[in-house]
Amino acid sequence: MPFVFRKTTKIFTLVLTVLMVTIGVLSCSKLLRGLNQNVSLVAHSDIFDYFEALYEYGFAGPPGYVIFNNVDYSS
């Protein structure tokens, strides 16, 4: 009887396959998502510096805006 068709070889192959699939599924949860934005930007541009500051100091939430209504720019 060839080595491949032995019962111990079949069991070993099945256990090894289940083990490799389990390790692969568990490893998928540890993958990092996304790409660092600075990879695709021009170095030392304004947006590059903005993302560098975000990376260095941490994410502080969404940006805030101040809106002025009825401003007289002529004076």
PDB file of N, CA and C in Angstrom:
ATOM      1  N   MET A   1       0.848  -1.177   0.000  1.00  0.00           N
ATOM      2  CA  MET A   1       0.000   0.000   0.000  1.00  0.00           C
ATOM      3  C   MET A   1       0.897   1.245   0.000  1.00  0.00           C
ATOM      4  N   PRO A   2       0.653   2.211  -0.909  1.00  0.00           N
ATOM      5  CA  PRO A   2       1.467   3.417  -0.964  1.00  0.00           C
ATOM      6  C   PRO A   2       1.328   4.253   0.315  1.00  0.00           C
ATOM      7  N   PHE A   3       2.348   5.044   0.575  1.00  0.00           N
ATOM      8  CA  PHE A   3       2.412   5.874   1.788  1.00  0.00           C
ATOM      9  C   PHE A   3       1.246   6.859   1.861  1.00  0.00           C
ATOM     10  N   VAL A   4       0.849   7.420   0.753  1.00  0.00           N
ATOM     11  CA  VAL A   4      -0.202   8.440   0.717  1.00  0.00           C
ATOM     12  C   VAL A   4      -1.560   7.875   1.136  1.00  0.00           C
ATOM     13  N   PHE A   5      -1.822   6.618   0.872  1.00  0.00           N
ATOM     14  CA  PHE A   5      -3.127   6.023   1.149  1.00  0.00           C
ATOM     15  C   PHE A   5      -3.230   5.379   2.521  1.00  0.00           C
ATOM     16  N   ARG A   6      -2.192   5.474   3.338  1.00  0.00           N
ATOM     17  CA  ARG A   6      -2.264   4.903   4.680  1.00  0.00           C
ATOM     18  C   ARG A   6      -3.183   5.745   5.557  1.00  0.00           C
ATOM     19  N   LYS A   7      -3.793   5.103   6.541  1.00  0.00           N
ATOM     20  CA  LYS A   7      -4.742   5.799   7.415  1.00  0.00           C
ATOM     21  C   LYS A   7      -4.056   6.875   8.242  1.00  0.00           C
ATOM     22  N   THR A   8      -2.845   6.609   8.730  1.00  0.00           N
ATOM     23  CA  THR A   8      -2.127   7.608   9.533  1.00  0.00           C
ATOM     24  C   THR A   8      -1.774   8.840   8.701  1.00  0.00           C
ATOM     25  N   THR A   9      -1.439   8.652   7.439  1.00  0.00           N
ATOM     26  CA  THR A   9      -1.123   9.783   6.570  1.00  0.00           C
ATOM     27  C   THR A   9      -2.364  10.627   6.318  1.00  0.00           C
ATOM     28  N   LYS A  10      -3.503   9.988   6.122  1.00  0.00           N
ATOM     29  CA  LYS A  10      -4.750  10.719   5.901  1.00  0.00           C
ATOM     30  C   LYS A  10      -5.132  11.524   7.143  1.00  0.00           C
ATOM     31  N   ILE A  11      -4.991  10.934   8.323  1.00  0.00           N
ATOM     32  CA  ILE A  11      -5.327  11.635   9.568  1.00  0.00           C
ATOM     33  C   ILE A  11      -4.370  12.804   9.779  1.00  0.00           C
ATOM     34  N   PHE A  12      -3.089  12.564   9.562  1.00  0.00           N
ATOM     35  CA  PHE A  12      -2.104  13.629   9.718  1.00  0.00           C
ATOM     36  C   PHE A  12      -2.394  14.790   8.764  1.00  0.00           C
ATOM     37  N   THR A  13      -2.732  14.478   7.524  1.00  0.00           N
ATOM     38  CA  THR A  13      -3.044  15.507   6.531  1.00  0.00           C
ATOM     39  C   THR A  13      -4.291  16.289   6.928  1.00  0.00           C
ATOM     40  N   LEU A  14      -5.298  15.611   7.418  1.00  0.00           N
ATOM     41  CA  LEU A  14      -6.526  16.273   7.852  1.00  0.00           C
ATOM     42  C   LEU A  14      -6.259  17.194   9.038  1.00  0.00           C
ATOM     43  N   VAL A  15      -5.519  16.716  10.033  1.00  0.00           N
ATOM     44  CA  VAL A  15      -5.214  17.531  11.213  1.00  0.00           C
ATOM     45  C   VAL A  15      -4.373  18.743  10.825  1.00  0.00           C
ATOM     46  N   LEU A  16      -3.398  18.535   9.963  1.00  0.00           N
ATOM     47  CA  LEU A  16      -2.551  19.634   9.517  1.00  0.00           C
ATOM     48  C   LEU A  16      -3.359  20.675   8.746  1.00  0.00           C
ATOM     49  N   THR A  17      -4.281  20.236   7.898  1.00  0.00           N
ATOM     50  CA  THR A  17      -5.122  21.154   7.140  1.00  0.00           C
ATOM     51  C   THR A  17      -6.017  21.972   8.057  1.00  0.00           C
ATOM     52  N   VAL A  18      -6.651  21.316   9.020  1.00  0.00           N
ATOM     53  CA  VAL A  18      -7.514  22.026   9.968  1.00  0.00           C
ATOM     54  C   VAL A  18      -6.693  23.029  10.779  1.00  0.00           C
ATOM     55  N   LEU A  19      -5.509  22.642  11.197  1.00  0.00           N
ATOM     56  CA  LEU A  19      -4.642  23.532  11.958  1.00  0.00           C
ATOM     57  C   LEU A  19      -4.238  24.756  11.130  1.00  0.00           C
ATOM     58  N   MET A  20      -3.851  24.553   9.893  1.00  0.00           N
ATOM     59  CA  MET A  20      -3.441  25.675   9.040  1.00  0.00           C
ATOM     60  C   MET A  20      -4.608  26.613   8.736  1.00  0.00           C
ATOM     61  N   VAL A  21      -5.795  26.088   8.502  1.00  0.00           N
ATOM     62  CA  VAL A  21      -6.965  26.928   8.263  1.00  0.00           C
ATOM     63  C   VAL A  21      -7.307  27.736   9.513  1.00  0.00           C
ATOM     64  N   THR A  22      -7.234  27.099  10.675  1.00  0.00           N
ATOM     65  CA  THR A  22      -7.515  27.796  11.933  1.00  0.00           C
ATOM     66  C   THR A  22      -6.518  28.926  12.171  1.00  0.00           C
ATOM     67  N   ILE A  23      -5.253  28.667  11.961  1.00  0.00           N
ATOM     68  CA  ILE A  23      -4.235  29.705  12.132  1.00  0.00           C
ATOM     69  C   ILE A  23      -4.477  30.843  11.141  1.00  0.00           C
ATOM     70  N   GLY A  24      -4.832  30.535   9.919  1.00  0.00           N
ATOM     71  CA  GLY A  24      -5.107  31.558   8.917  1.00  0.00           C
ATOM     72  C   GLY A  24      -6.297  32.426   9.273  1.00  0.00           C
ATOM     73  N   VAL A  25      -7.365  31.813   9.762  1.00  0.00           N
ATOM     74  CA  VAL A  25      -8.567  32.572  10.136  1.00  0.00           C
ATOM     75  C   VAL A  25      -8.276  33.462  11.340  1.00  0.00           C
ATOM     76  N   LEU A  26      -7.574  32.940  12.327  1.00  0.00           N
ATOM     77  CA  LEU A  26      -7.255  33.746  13.505  1.00  0.00           C
ATOM     78  C   LEU A  26      -6.279  34.874  13.169  1.00  0.00           C
ATOM     79  N   SER A  27      -5.405  34.654  12.224  1.00  0.00           N
ATOM     80  CA  SER A  27      -4.438  35.682  11.844  1.00  0.00           C
ATOM     81  C   SER A  27      -5.083  36.818  11.066  1.00  0.00           C
ATOM     82  N   CYS A  28      -6.176  36.559  10.398  1.00  0.00           N
ATOM     83  CA  CYS A  28      -6.846  37.601   9.622  1.00  0.00           C
ATOM     84  C   CYS A  28      -7.329  38.747  10.500  1.00  0.00           C
ATOM     85  N   SER A  29      -7.676  38.468  11.739  1.00  0.00           N
ATOM     86  CA  SER A  29      -8.162  39.522  12.622  1.00  0.00           C
ATOM     87  C   SER A  29      -7.036  40.448  13.067  1.00  0.00           C
ATOM     88  N   LYS A  30      -5.793  40.063  12.906  1.00  0.00           N
ATOM     89  CA  LYS A  30      -4.663  40.878  13.321  1.00  0.00           C
ATOM     90  C   LYS A  30      -4.064  41.698  12.183  1.00  0.00           C
ATOM     91  N   LEU A  31      -4.626  41.579  10.992  1.00  0.00           N
ATOM     92  CA  LEU A  31      -4.117  42.339   9.859  1.00  0.00           C
ATOM     93  C   LEU A  31      -4.479  43.807  10.004  1.00  0.00           C
ATOM     94  N   LEU A  32      -3.569  44.675   9.618  1.00  0.00           N
ATOM     95  CA  LEU A  32      -3.832  46.104   9.639  1.00  0.00           C
ATOM     96  C   LEU A  32      -4.616  46.489   8.394  1.00  0.00           C
ATOM     97  N   ARG A  33      -5.594  47.338   8.596  1.00  0.00           N
ATOM     98  CA  ARG A  33      -6.406  47.778   7.468  1.00  0.00           C
ATOM     99  C   ARG A  33      -5.937  49.149   7.009  1.00  0.00           C
ATOM    100  N   GLY A  34      -6.070  49.394   5.747  1.00  0.00           N
ATOM    101  CA  GLY A  34      -5.772  50.713   5.227  1.00  0.00           C
ATOM    102  C   GLY A  34      -4.309  50.894   4.879  1.00  0.00           C
ATOM    103  N   LEU A  35      -4.015  52.063   4.407  1.00  0.00           N
ATOM    104  CA  LEU A  35      -2.682  52.426   3.974  1.00  0.00           C
ATOM    105  C   LEU A  35      -2.367  53.778   4.581  1.00  0.00           C
ATOM    106  N   ASN A  36      -1.143  53.964   5.022  1.00  0.00           N
ATOM    107  CA  ASN A  36      -0.741  55.256   5.538  1.00  0.00           C
ATOM    108  C   ASN A  36      -0.903  56.293   4.427  1.00  0.00           C
ATOM    109  N   GLN A  37      -1.579  57.395   4.720  1.00  0.00           N
ATOM    110  CA  GLN A  37      -1.890  58.388   3.697  1.00  0.00           C
ATOM    111  C   GLN A  37      -0.637  59.030   3.125  1.00  0.00           C
ATOM    112  N   ASN A  38       0.409  59.140   3.930  1.00  0.00           N
ATOM    113  CA  ASN A  38       1.601  59.836   3.472  1.00  0.00           C
ATOM    114  C   ASN A  38       2.357  59.096   2.388  1.00  0.00           C
ATOM    115  N   VAL A  39       2.056  57.841   2.170  1.00  0.00           N
ATOM    116  CA  VAL A  39       2.731  57.081   1.127  1.00  0.00           C
ATOM    117  C   VAL A  39       2.421  57.662  -0.248  1.00  0.00           C
ATOM    118  N   SER A  40       1.218  58.163  -0.427  1.00  0.00           N
ATOM    119  CA  SER A  40       0.798  58.643  -1.741  1.00  0.00           C
ATOM    120  C   SER A  40       0.839  60.164  -1.879  1.00  0.00           C
ATOM    121  N   LEU A  41       1.405  60.865  -0.897  1.00  0.00           N
ATOM    122  CA  LEU A  41       1.420  62.325  -0.940  1.00  0.00           C
ATOM    123  C   LEU A  41       2.814  62.855  -1.232  1.00  0.00           C
ATOM    124  N   VAL A  42       2.863  64.108  -1.691  1.00  0.00           N
ATOM    125  CA  VAL A  42       4.137  64.775  -1.944  1.00  0.00           C
ATOM    126  C   VAL A  42       4.735  65.192  -0.600  1.00  0.00           C
ATOM    127  N   ALA A  43       5.992  64.875  -0.405  1.00  0.00           N
ATOM    128  CA  ALA A  43       6.649  65.182   0.873  1.00  0.00           C
ATOM    129  C   ALA A  43       6.656  66.683   1.133  1.00  0.00           C
ATOM    130  N   HIS A  44       6.382  67.040   2.367  1.00  0.00           N
ATOM    131  CA  HIS A  44       6.402  68.427   2.873  1.00  0.00           C
ATOM    132  C   HIS A  44       5.349  69.316   2.235  1.00  0.00           C
ATOM    133  N   SER A  45       4.300  68.730   1.699  1.00  0.00           N
ATOM    134  CA  SER A  45       3.158  69.532   1.272  1.00  0.00           C
ATOM    135  C   SER A  45       2.284  69.772   2.497  1.00  0.00           C
ATOM    136  N   ASP A  46       1.299  70.646   2.357  1.00  0.00           N
ATOM    137  CA  ASP A  46       0.444  70.974   3.501  1.00  0.00           C
ATOM    138  C   ASP A  46      -0.306  69.753   4.009  1.00  0.00           C
ATOM    139  N   ILE A  47      -0.879  68.978   3.106  1.00  0.00           N
ATOM    140  CA  ILE A  47      -1.652  67.809   3.521  1.00  0.00           C
ATOM    141  C   ILE A  47      -0.746  66.730   4.097  1.00  0.00           C
ATOM    142  N   PHE A  48       0.476  66.626   3.571  1.00  0.00           N
ATOM    143  CA  PHE A  48       1.456  65.688   4.116  1.00  0.00           C
ATOM    144  C   PHE A  48       1.776  66.055   5.561  1.00  0.00           C
ATOM    145  N   ASP A  49       2.028  67.338   5.805  1.00  0.00           N
ATOM    146  CA  ASP A  49       2.328  67.797   7.166  1.00  0.00           C
ATOM    147  C   ASP A  49       1.140  67.584   8.102  1.00  0.00           C
ATOM    148  N   TYR A  50      -0.079  67.765   7.572  1.00  0.00           N
ATOM    149  CA  TYR A  50      -1.281  67.536   8.380  1.00  0.00           C
ATOM    150  C   TYR A  50      -1.352  66.082   8.842  1.00  0.00           C
ATOM    151  N   PHE A  51      -1.156  65.141   7.912  1.00  0.00           N
ATOM    152  CA  PHE A  51      -1.219  63.731   8.287  1.00  0.00           C
ATOM    153  C   PHE A  51      -0.043  63.328   9.171  1.00  0.00           C
ATOM    154  N   GLU A  52       1.113  63.948   8.984  1.00  0.00           N
ATOM    155  CA  GLU A  52       2.248  63.686   9.865  1.00  0.00           C
ATOM    156  C   GLU A  52       1.930  64.112  11.295  1.00  0.00           C
ATOM    157  N   ALA A  53       1.288  65.285  11.437  1.00  0.00           N
ATOM    158  CA  ALA A  53       0.900  65.758  12.767  1.00  0.00           C
ATOM    159  C   ALA A  53      -0.136  64.828  13.389  1.00  0.00           C
ATOM    160  N   LEU A  54      -1.096  64.359  12.585  1.00  0.00           N
ATOM    161  CA  LEU A  54      -2.084  63.415  13.106  1.00  0.00           C
ATOM    162  C   LEU A  54      -1.421  62.132  13.588  1.00  0.00           C
ATOM    163  N   TYR A  55      -0.461  61.644  12.810  1.00  0.00           N
ATOM    164  CA  TYR A  55       0.227  60.405  13.175  1.00  0.00           C
ATOM    165  C   TYR A  55       1.086  60.604  14.421  1.00  0.00           C
ATOM    166  N   GLU A  56       1.739  61.752  14.512  1.00  0.00           N
ATOM    167  CA  GLU A  56       2.651  62.002  15.635  1.00  0.00           C
ATOM    168  C   GLU A  56       1.912  62.276  16.944  1.00  0.00           C
ATOM    169  N   TYR A  57       0.855  63.079  16.885  1.00  0.00           N
ATOM    170  CA  TYR A  57       0.166  63.498  18.108  1.00  0.00           C
ATOM    171  C   TYR A  57      -1.119  62.740  18.384  1.00  0.00           C
ATOM    172  N   GLY A  58      -1.536  61.877  17.488  1.00  0.00           N
ATOM    173  CA  GLY A  58      -2.749  61.096  17.713  1.00  0.00           C
ATOM    174  C   GLY A  58      -3.971  61.773  17.138  1.00  0.00           C
ATOM    175  N   PHE A  59      -4.984  60.973  16.940  1.00  0.00           N
ATOM    176  CA  PHE A  59      -6.239  61.467  16.370  1.00  0.00           C
ATOM    177  C   PHE A  59      -7.034  62.179  17.451  1.00  0.00           C
ATOM    178  N   ALA A  60      -7.466  63.413  17.177  1.00  0.00           N
ATOM    179  CA  ALA A  60      -8.173  64.211  18.178  1.00  0.00           C
ATOM    180  C   ALA A  60      -9.650  64.332  17.872  1.00  0.00           C
ATOM    181  N   GLY A  61     -10.148  63.607  16.895  1.00  0.00           N
ATOM    182  CA  GLY A  61     -11.559  63.687  16.544  1.00  0.00           C
ATOM    183  C   GLY A  61     -11.756  64.463  15.260  1.00  0.00           C
ATOM    184  N   PRO A  62     -13.003  64.665  14.882  1.00  0.00           N
ATOM    185  CA  PRO A  62     -13.275  65.392  13.637  1.00  0.00           C
ATOM    186  C   PRO A  62     -12.903  66.868  13.785  1.00  0.00           C
ATOM    187  N   PRO A  63     -12.573  67.521  12.675  1.00  0.00           N
ATOM    188  CA  PRO A  63     -12.188  68.935  12.765  1.00  0.00           C
ATOM    189  C   PRO A  63     -13.379  69.809  13.136  1.00  0.00           C
ATOM    190  N   GLY A  64     -13.105  70.905  13.794  1.00  0.00           N
ATOM    191  CA  GLY A  64     -14.136  71.874  14.154  1.00  0.00           C
ATOM    192  C   GLY A  64     -14.056  73.078  13.235  1.00  0.00           C
ATOM    193  N   TYR A  65     -15.162  73.702  12.970  1.00  0.00           N
ATOM    194  CA  TYR A  65     -15.208  74.853  12.074  1.00  0.00           C
ATOM    195  C   TYR A  65     -15.896  76.004  12.782  1.00  0.00           C
ATOM    196  N   VAL A  66     -15.435  77.227  12.489  1.00  0.00           N
ATOM    197  CA  VAL A  66     -16.077  78.443  12.992  1.00  0.00           C
ATOM    198  C   VAL A  66     -16.659  79.156  11.781  1.00  0.00           C
ATOM    199  N   ILE A  67     -17.946  79.459  11.833  1.00  0.00           N
ATOM    200  CA  ILE A  67     -18.634  80.092  10.713  1.00  0.00           C
ATOM    201  C   ILE A  67     -19.141  81.451  11.171  1.00  0.00           C
ATOM    202  N   PHE A  68     -18.782  82.485  10.409  1.00  0.00           N
ATOM    203  CA  PHE A  68     -19.246  83.835  10.711  1.00  0.00           C
ATOM    204  C   PHE A  68     -20.302  84.227   9.685  1.00  0.00           C
ATOM    205  N   ASN A  69     -21.417  84.755  10.139  1.00  0.00           N
ATOM    206  CA  ASN A  69     -22.483  85.227   9.264  1.00  0.00           C
ATOM    207  C   ASN A  69     -22.511  86.748   9.275  1.00  0.00           C
ATOM    208  N   ASN A  70     -22.891  87.314   8.157  1.00  0.00           N
ATOM    209  CA  ASN A  70     -23.089  88.757   8.037  1.00  0.00           C
ATOM    210  C   ASN A  70     -21.859  89.554   8.459  1.00  0.00           C
ATOM    211  N   VAL A  71     -20.702  89.214   7.931  1.00  0.00           N
ATOM    212  CA  VAL A  71     -19.472  89.918   8.243  1.00  0.00           C
ATOM    213  C   VAL A  71     -19.277  91.028   7.197  1.00  0.00           C
ATOM    214  N   ASP A  72     -19.014  92.233   7.670  1.00  0.00           N
ATOM    215  CA  ASP A  72     -18.777  93.355   6.771  1.00  0.00           C
ATOM    216  C   ASP A  72     -17.273  93.468   6.541  1.00  0.00           C
ATOM    217  N   TYR A  73     -16.824  93.057   5.350  1.00  0.00           N
ATOM    218  CA  TYR A  73     -15.399  93.047   5.039  1.00  0.00           C
ATOM    219  C   TYR A  73     -14.912  94.422   4.557  1.00  0.00           C
ATOM    220  N   SER A  74     -15.782  95.373   4.349  1.00  0.00           N
ATOM    221  CA  SER A  74     -15.379  96.663   3.794  1.00  0.00           C
ATOM    222  C   SER A  74     -14.779  97.585   4.847  1.00  0.00           C
ATOM    223  N   SER A  75     -14.950  97.314   6.109  1.00  0.00           N
ATOM    224  CA  SER A  75     -14.441  98.245   7.112  1.00  0.00           C
ATOM    225  C   SER A  75     -13.100  97.860   7.658  1.00  0.00           C
TER     226      SER A  75
END
